[in-house]
Amino acid sequence: MISHTLLKLLLTPAALICAAATFAQVAMDLSLNRTVYMQYEPIYAAVTLRNDSGRALAFGHDPKLQGFVLFEIRDSKNNLVPKRPGAEINTTGLLLRAGEIKRLVIPVSKYYNLDPLGTYRMFAYVSHAQLPAEYQSKETRFQVSPGVEVWSKSVGIPDLTGKGEEKSVERTYSIRSMTEGPDRFFYLVVEDNDKVYGVIRIGKRIGQEQFRAEVDMLSRIHLLMPVSPKVFHYLAFALDGTCIANQHWKTTGTIPTLVRDPANGMVTLAGGAVARVGIDFQDPNAGKLTATQLLNENGDPLENAAPLPQPPRSSGLLDLGKEVVNPNR
């Protein structure tokens, strides 16, 4: 069995360059779907492996099948980013046939502490007991940003037990904007003084169109995000960041708007009509990769995967992370 300490010693730049030039039995590529992420937003990396060893590579528990996929991430001061306590990437069950190309979608922010703000450099490594050397990807850079707060509201936690218990704990909804290239995106952040419950990408700035936000009597937030001058994305979230409504509405004789009843605090969507995907607006999930197998220590489907760049049609790439259709974009 190759220990992580030994593996780290083996992963020297000289050894990797030599391995790539001499053997080139596994080709690697590392990519991210974006270059800027909101602080605490999940960050997913796509590691593409091409097996040119001439034989199948099965990753298992047996020492003869031992294999690793690891990352080296450094901050702007060149300090090595530490792993989260107890976090290990488990590749057991991965099979890479001779000549096959596979793409592994890995939630790197789950395994490495990428919470601090700043710029990062990341490499991926792969090793296997049946390979003569370890292999390294090219460098990929990204930034973790705090965004700019454009709207905020603190709410109380309602008593749903009926016992009249007082709850002094507050929770805050904030909408933050972040610039990415020529575009400006909005995020919903749900947090209190001790915990961040959700960081959710909710839309893109469309010209001078303004979003609308209302909080109902159960402290749930309702959002109406413009998709175009005549189409809006209606979203609602609970106090834990769970999405409870996700629809698109369009302007007809009336314009969709959020209405809060001052008597009971109920928030409703009034005006307009339901928009038709592919007719009134483009399907936000069109062209996104889906996958059938997860790469983590639990063997559970990968949740809330960020969209990844579409590979060439002839590449044969296969995602190993399951992408869920949700508004976290």
Protein backbone atom coordinates (compact mmCIF):
# COMPACT_ATOMS: atom_id res chain seq x y z
CA MET A 1 0.00 0.00 0.00
CA ILE A 2 1.36 3.44 -0.91
CA SER A 3 1.19 5.78 2.07
CA HIS A 4 0.15 9.40 1.57
CA THR A 5 3.53 10.49 2.98
CA LEU A 6 5.41 8.39 0.45
CA LEU A 7 3.11 9.56 -2.31
CA LYS A 8 3.83 13.17 -1.42
CA LEU A 9 7.57 12.52 -1.60
CA LEU A 10 7.16 10.94 -5.00
CA LEU A 11 5.22 13.88 -6.39
CA THR A 12 8.19 16.13 -7.11
CA PRO A 13 8.15 18.34 -10.22
CA ALA A 14 11.21 16.62 -11.68
CA ALA A 15 9.70 13.17 -11.24
CA LEU A 16 6.41 14.26 -12.75
CA ILE A 17 8.01 15.87 -15.79
CA CYS A 18 10.13 12.78 -16.32
CA ALA A 19 7.11 10.52 -15.98
CA ALA A 20 5.08 12.56 -18.45
CA ALA A 21 7.90 12.60 -20.97
CA THR A 22 9.01 8.98 -20.61
CA PHE A 23 5.88 6.97 -19.89
CA ALA A 24 2.81 9.15 -20.53
CA GLN A 25 0.65 6.16 -19.56
CA VAL A 26 -2.08 8.37 -18.09
CA ALA A 27 -2.98 11.77 -19.50
CA MET A 28 -4.61 14.22 -17.06
CA ASP A 29 -6.54 17.43 -17.37
CA LEU A 30 -8.00 19.62 -14.62
CA SER A 31 -10.75 22.18 -15.19
CA LEU A 32 -13.23 24.29 -13.28
CA ASN A 33 -16.53 25.62 -14.55
CA ARG A 34 -15.67 29.13 -13.34
CA THR A 35 -12.69 31.22 -12.25
CA VAL A 36 -14.45 33.12 -9.41
CA TYR A 37 -16.52 31.63 -6.58
CA MET A 38 -18.52 33.20 -3.78
CA GLN A 39 -17.10 32.50 -0.33
CA TYR A 40 -18.49 29.18 1.07
CA GLU A 41 -19.94 28.24 -2.31
CA PRO A 42 -19.26 24.57 -3.20
CA ILE A 43 -16.35 24.27 -5.65
CA TYR A 44 -16.25 21.31 -8.02
CA ALA A 45 -13.26 20.27 -10.10
CA ALA A 46 -13.37 18.08 -13.20
CA VAL A 47 -10.41 15.71 -13.46
CA THR A 48 -10.15 14.05 -16.86
CA LEU A 49 -8.17 10.80 -17.06
CA ARG A 50 -7.13 9.03 -20.26
CA ASN A 51 -5.69 5.56 -19.87
CA ASP A 52 -2.86 4.96 -22.35
CA SER A 53 -1.23 2.21 -20.31
CA GLY A 54 -2.54 -0.54 -22.57
CA ARG A 55 -4.41 -2.29 -19.72
CA ALA A 56 -7.40 -1.65 -17.52
CA LEU A 57 -6.81 0.21 -14.26
CA ALA A 58 -9.16 -0.84 -11.47
CA PHE A 59 -9.02 1.14 -8.22
CA GLY A 60 -9.68 -1.09 -5.22
CA HIS A 61 -8.74 -2.01 -1.65
CA ASP A 62 -6.16 -4.62 -2.63
CA PRO A 63 -2.60 -3.22 -2.48
CA LYS A 64 -2.11 -4.29 -6.11
CA LEU A 65 -5.09 -2.10 -7.06
CA GLN A 66 -4.27 0.82 -4.76
CA GLY A 67 -4.77 4.19 -6.44
CA PHE A 68 -5.17 7.82 -5.46
CA VAL A 69 -6.51 11.06 -6.89
CA LEU A 70 -5.11 13.95 -4.87
CA PHE A 71 -4.88 17.72 -5.15
CA GLU A 72 -2.21 20.23 -4.30
CA ILE A 73 -3.77 23.65 -3.67
CA ARG A 74 -1.79 26.75 -2.70
CA ASP A 75 -3.00 30.19 -1.66
CA SER A 76 -1.70 33.57 -2.82
CA LYS A 77 1.19 33.32 -0.32
CA ASN A 78 2.14 29.89 -1.70
CA ASN A 79 1.00 28.19 1.50
CA LEU A 80 -0.33 24.66 1.10
CA VAL A 81 -4.10 24.55 1.68
CA PRO A 82 -4.83 21.94 4.37
CA LYS A 83 -7.31 19.11 4.04
CA ARG A 84 -10.42 19.23 6.14
CA PRO A 85 -10.17 16.91 9.17
CA GLY A 86 -10.92 13.33 8.20
CA ALA A 87 -11.56 14.19 4.55
CA GLU A 88 -10.17 11.62 2.12
CA ILE A 89 -11.04 11.18 -1.56
CA ASN A 90 -11.96 7.54 -2.10
CA THR A 91 -11.51 6.20 -5.63
CA THR A 92 -12.46 2.60 -4.78
CA GLY A 93 -14.68 1.22 -7.53
CA LEU A 94 -13.30 3.40 -10.29
CA LEU A 95 -12.51 1.44 -13.46
CA LEU A 96 -10.53 2.99 -16.30
CA ARG A 97 -10.40 0.64 -19.26
CA ALA A 98 -7.51 0.64 -21.74
CA GLY A 99 -7.81 3.70 -23.98
CA GLU A 100 -10.82 5.01 -22.03
CA ILE A 101 -11.40 8.64 -21.06
CA LYS A 102 -13.35 9.48 -17.92
CA ARG A 103 -14.13 12.71 -16.15
CA LEU A 104 -14.32 12.69 -12.35
CA VAL A 105 -16.38 15.48 -10.81
CA ILE A 106 -14.95 16.07 -7.34
CA PRO A 107 -16.24 18.53 -4.70
CA VAL A 108 -12.80 19.85 -3.76
CA SER A 109 -14.18 22.33 -1.21
CA LYS A 110 -15.53 19.33 0.72
CA TYR A 111 -12.02 17.90 1.10
CA TYR A 112 -9.86 21.04 1.28
CA ASN A 113 -10.37 24.21 3.30
CA LEU A 114 -11.16 26.78 0.60
CA ASP A 115 -13.22 29.03 2.89
CA PRO A 116 -10.63 31.86 3.20
CA LEU A 117 -10.84 34.66 0.64
CA GLY A 118 -8.11 34.98 -1.96
CA THR A 119 -6.57 33.51 -5.11
CA TYR A 120 -5.64 29.83 -5.34
CA ARG A 121 -3.50 27.60 -7.59
CA MET A 122 -4.49 23.97 -7.94
CA PHE A 123 -2.94 20.80 -9.41
CA ALA A 124 -4.38 17.29 -9.52
CA TYR A 125 -2.35 14.08 -9.21
CA VAL A 126 -3.15 10.46 -9.95
CA SER A 127 -1.21 7.36 -8.94
CA HIS A 128 -1.85 3.64 -9.19
CA ALA A 129 0.09 0.58 -8.04
CA GLN A 130 0.23 -0.70 -11.64
CA LEU A 131 1.68 2.54 -13.03
CA PRO A 132 5.41 3.30 -13.03
CA ALA A 133 4.95 6.91 -11.84
CA GLU A 134 2.50 9.52 -10.62
CA TYR A 135 1.02 12.02 -13.05
CA GLN A 136 0.21 15.71 -12.66
CA SER A 137 -2.31 17.99 -14.36
CA LYS A 138 -1.65 21.52 -15.51
CA GLU A 139 -2.14 24.38 -13.06
CA THR A 140 -5.60 25.87 -12.65
CA ARG A 141 -6.25 29.19 -10.89
CA PHE A 142 -9.41 30.48 -9.23
CA GLN A 143 -10.52 33.12 -6.77
CA VAL A 144 -12.79 33.04 -3.70
CA SER A 145 -14.63 36.35 -3.30
CA PRO A 146 -16.90 37.87 -0.61
CA GLY A 147 -19.09 39.56 -3.21
CA VAL A 148 -20.85 42.89 -2.63
CA GLU A 149 -23.99 42.99 -0.49
CA VAL A 150 -26.90 44.64 -2.31
CA TRP A 151 -29.80 43.60 -0.07
CA SER A 152 -30.15 42.12 3.41
CA LYS A 153 -32.85 41.25 5.93
CA SER A 154 -32.67 39.61 9.36
CA VAL A 155 -35.61 37.45 10.42
CA GLY A 156 -36.67 35.55 13.50
CA ILE A 157 -37.16 31.79 13.63
CA PRO A 158 -40.89 31.12 13.96
CA ASP A 159 -42.28 28.82 16.63
CA LEU A 160 -43.86 25.92 14.77
CA THR A 161 -44.45 23.83 17.90
CA GLY A 162 -47.45 25.87 19.06
CA LYS A 163 -46.00 26.05 22.58
CA GLY A 164 -45.32 29.76 22.45
CA GLU A 165 -41.59 29.29 22.96
CA GLU A 166 -39.55 32.43 22.50
CA LYS A 167 -36.65 32.25 20.09
CA SER A 168 -34.14 35.06 20.17
CA VAL A 169 -31.93 33.62 17.44
CA GLU A 170 -31.96 35.56 14.20
CA ARG A 171 -31.12 34.41 10.71
CA THR A 172 -30.02 36.70 7.90
CA TYR A 173 -30.84 36.58 4.22
CA SER A 174 -28.46 38.62 2.08
CA ILE A 175 -28.21 39.01 -1.67
CA ARG A 176 -24.68 39.59 -2.91
CA SER A 177 -23.39 40.37 -6.36
CA MET A 178 -20.17 39.14 -7.89
CA THR A 179 -18.56 40.10 -11.18
CA GLU A 180 -17.36 37.31 -13.42
CA GLY A 181 -15.92 38.48 -16.73
CA PRO A 182 -18.43 40.84 -18.38
CA ASP A 183 -21.34 39.52 -16.27
CA ARG A 184 -22.65 40.24 -12.79
CA PHE A 185 -24.27 37.40 -10.85
CA PHE A 186 -26.45 37.40 -7.75
CA TYR A 187 -26.19 34.99 -4.83
CA LEU A 188 -28.47 34.35 -1.87
CA VAL A 189 -26.59 33.75 1.40
CA VAL A 190 -28.44 32.31 4.41
CA GLU A 191 -26.54 32.56 7.69
CA ASP A 192 -26.52 33.39 11.38
CA ASN A 193 -23.71 34.36 13.72
CA ASP A 194 -22.41 30.79 13.88
CA LYS A 195 -23.19 29.06 10.60
CA VAL A 196 -23.67 29.54 6.86
CA TYR A 197 -26.71 27.51 5.80
CA GLY A 198 -26.58 28.13 2.07
CA VAL A 199 -24.80 30.03 -0.70
CA ILE A 200 -27.02 29.83 -3.76
CA ARG A 201 -26.47 31.34 -7.20
CA ILE A 202 -29.86 32.84 -8.08
CA GLY A 203 -29.42 34.80 -11.29
CA LYS A 204 -27.55 37.21 -13.54
CA ARG A 205 -27.94 40.96 -13.85
CA ILE A 206 -30.10 41.73 -16.91
CA GLY A 207 -29.66 45.33 -18.01
CA GLN A 208 -31.42 47.66 -15.60
CA GLU A 209 -34.02 45.09 -14.53
CA GLN A 210 -34.38 44.81 -10.74
CA PHE A 211 -34.98 41.71 -8.63
CA ARG A 212 -37.72 41.62 -5.99
CA ALA A 213 -37.50 40.03 -2.54
CA GLU A 214 -40.13 39.44 0.17
CA VAL A 215 -40.16 37.45 3.44
CA ASP A 216 -43.37 35.72 4.53
CA MET A 217 -44.87 34.99 7.98
CA LEU A 218 -42.79 31.79 8.30
CA SER A 219 -39.58 33.72 7.59
CA ARG A 220 -39.20 32.12 4.16
CA ILE A 221 -37.74 34.29 1.43
CA HIS A 222 -39.41 34.74 -1.97
CA LEU A 223 -37.45 36.07 -4.94
CA LEU A 224 -38.38 37.23 -8.41
CA MET A 225 -35.25 37.36 -10.56
CA PRO A 226 -35.40 38.81 -14.10
CA VAL A 227 -34.26 36.43 -16.83
CA SER A 228 -35.15 38.84 -19.65
CA PRO A 229 -37.26 42.03 -19.81
CA LYS A 230 -40.41 39.85 -19.93
CA VAL A 231 -39.47 36.63 -18.12
CA PHE A 232 -38.82 36.16 -14.39
CA HIS A 233 -37.48 33.31 -12.27
CA TYR A 234 -39.57 32.80 -9.11
CA LEU A 235 -37.67 31.16 -6.25
CA ALA A 236 -38.46 30.60 -2.58
CA PHE A 237 -36.19 29.26 0.17
CA ALA A 238 -36.66 28.06 3.73
CA LEU A 239 -34.53 29.13 6.69
CA ASP A 240 -32.08 26.28 6.11
CA GLY A 241 -31.47 27.28 2.48
CA THR A 242 -33.73 24.56 1.04
CA CYS A 243 -35.43 25.56 -2.21
CA ILE A 244 -39.23 25.28 -1.86
CA ALA A 245 -40.31 26.95 -5.14
CA ASN A 246 -38.70 27.14 -8.56
CA GLN A 247 -40.73 28.42 -11.52
CA HIS A 248 -40.44 30.76 -14.49
CA TRP A 249 -43.16 33.35 -15.17
CA LYS A 250 -43.68 35.74 -18.08
CA THR A 251 -45.37 39.08 -18.64
CA THR A 252 -48.73 38.91 -20.39
CA GLY A 253 -51.34 41.64 -19.94
CA THR A 254 -49.90 42.04 -16.45
CA ILE A 255 -46.38 41.89 -15.02
CA PRO A 256 -45.47 39.17 -12.48
CA THR A 257 -44.89 40.61 -9.02
CA LEU A 258 -44.61 39.50 -5.39
CA VAL A 259 -47.44 40.60 -3.12
CA ARG A 260 -47.25 40.41 0.68
CA ASP A 261 -50.55 40.45 2.57
CA PRO A 262 -50.12 43.00 5.41
CA ALA A 263 -52.76 41.21 7.50
CA ASN A 264 -51.22 37.72 7.65
CA GLY A 265 -47.77 38.04 6.06
CA MET A 266 -48.51 35.60 3.24
CA VAL A 267 -46.50 36.17 0.06
CA THR A 268 -48.05 35.30 -3.28
CA LEU A 269 -47.00 35.63 -6.91
CA ALA A 270 -49.51 37.73 -8.82
CA GLY A 271 -49.80 38.68 -12.49
CA GLY A 272 -48.36 37.19 -15.64
CA ALA A 273 -48.46 33.53 -16.58
CA VAL A 274 -46.25 30.45 -16.38
CA ALA A 275 -43.40 30.69 -18.92
CA ARG A 276 -42.70 27.79 -21.28
CA VAL A 277 -39.21 26.36 -21.36
CA GLY A 278 -37.64 26.43 -24.81
CA ILE A 279 -40.28 28.92 -26.02
CA ASP A 280 -40.37 31.84 -23.61
CA PHE A 281 -36.93 31.23 -22.13
CA GLN A 282 -33.91 29.00 -22.72
CA ASP A 283 -33.69 25.84 -20.65
CA PRO A 284 -31.07 26.69 -17.96
CA ASN A 285 -30.03 23.02 -17.87
CA ALA A 286 -29.58 22.63 -21.63
CA GLY A 287 -26.16 21.35 -22.59
CA LYS A 288 -25.06 20.57 -19.05
CA LEU A 289 -23.32 17.30 -18.40
CA THR A 290 -24.98 14.67 -16.26
CA ALA A 291 -23.27 11.74 -14.67
CA THR A 292 -24.05 8.34 -13.20
CA GLN A 293 -21.50 7.63 -10.50
CA LEU A 294 -20.04 9.51 -7.55
CA LEU A 295 -16.49 9.79 -6.42
CA ASN A 296 -16.58 10.25 -2.65
CA GLU A 297 -16.22 8.30 0.55
CA ASN A 298 -19.92 7.57 1.01
CA GLY A 299 -20.92 6.23 -2.39
CA ASP A 300 -23.91 8.61 -2.45
CA PRO A 301 -25.03 10.63 -5.51
CA LEU A 302 -23.14 13.90 -5.81
CA GLU A 303 -25.57 16.70 -4.92
CA ASN A 304 -25.66 20.33 -6.16
CA ALA A 305 -22.92 19.88 -8.73
CA ALA A 306 -21.98 23.06 -10.50
CA PRO A 307 -22.29 23.01 -14.32
CA LEU A 308 -19.11 22.02 -16.12
CA PRO A 309 -17.77 23.00 -19.53
CA GLN A 310 -19.22 20.92 -22.37
CA PRO A 311 -16.50 18.59 -23.76
CA PRO A 312 -16.00 18.04 -27.49
CA ARG A 313 -18.59 15.68 -28.95
CA SER A 314 -15.98 13.07 -29.88
CA SER A 315 -14.08 13.11 -26.58
CA GLY A 316 -15.99 10.27 -24.90
CA LEU A 317 -15.88 12.03 -21.53
CA LEU A 318 -18.11 10.73 -18.76
CA ASP A 319 -18.91 12.60 -15.57
CA LEU A 320 -18.81 10.57 -12.37
CA GLY A 321 -20.82 13.14 -10.43
CA LYS A 322 -24.59 13.38 -10.61
CA GLU A 323 -25.77 16.85 -11.52
CA VAL A 324 -29.07 17.79 -9.93
CA VAL A 325 -31.50 20.15 -11.64
CA ASN A 326 -31.83 22.96 -9.11
CA PRO A 327 -31.47 26.73 -8.91
CA ASN A 328 -27.93 26.63 -7.47
CA ARG A 329 -26.40 28.07 -10.61
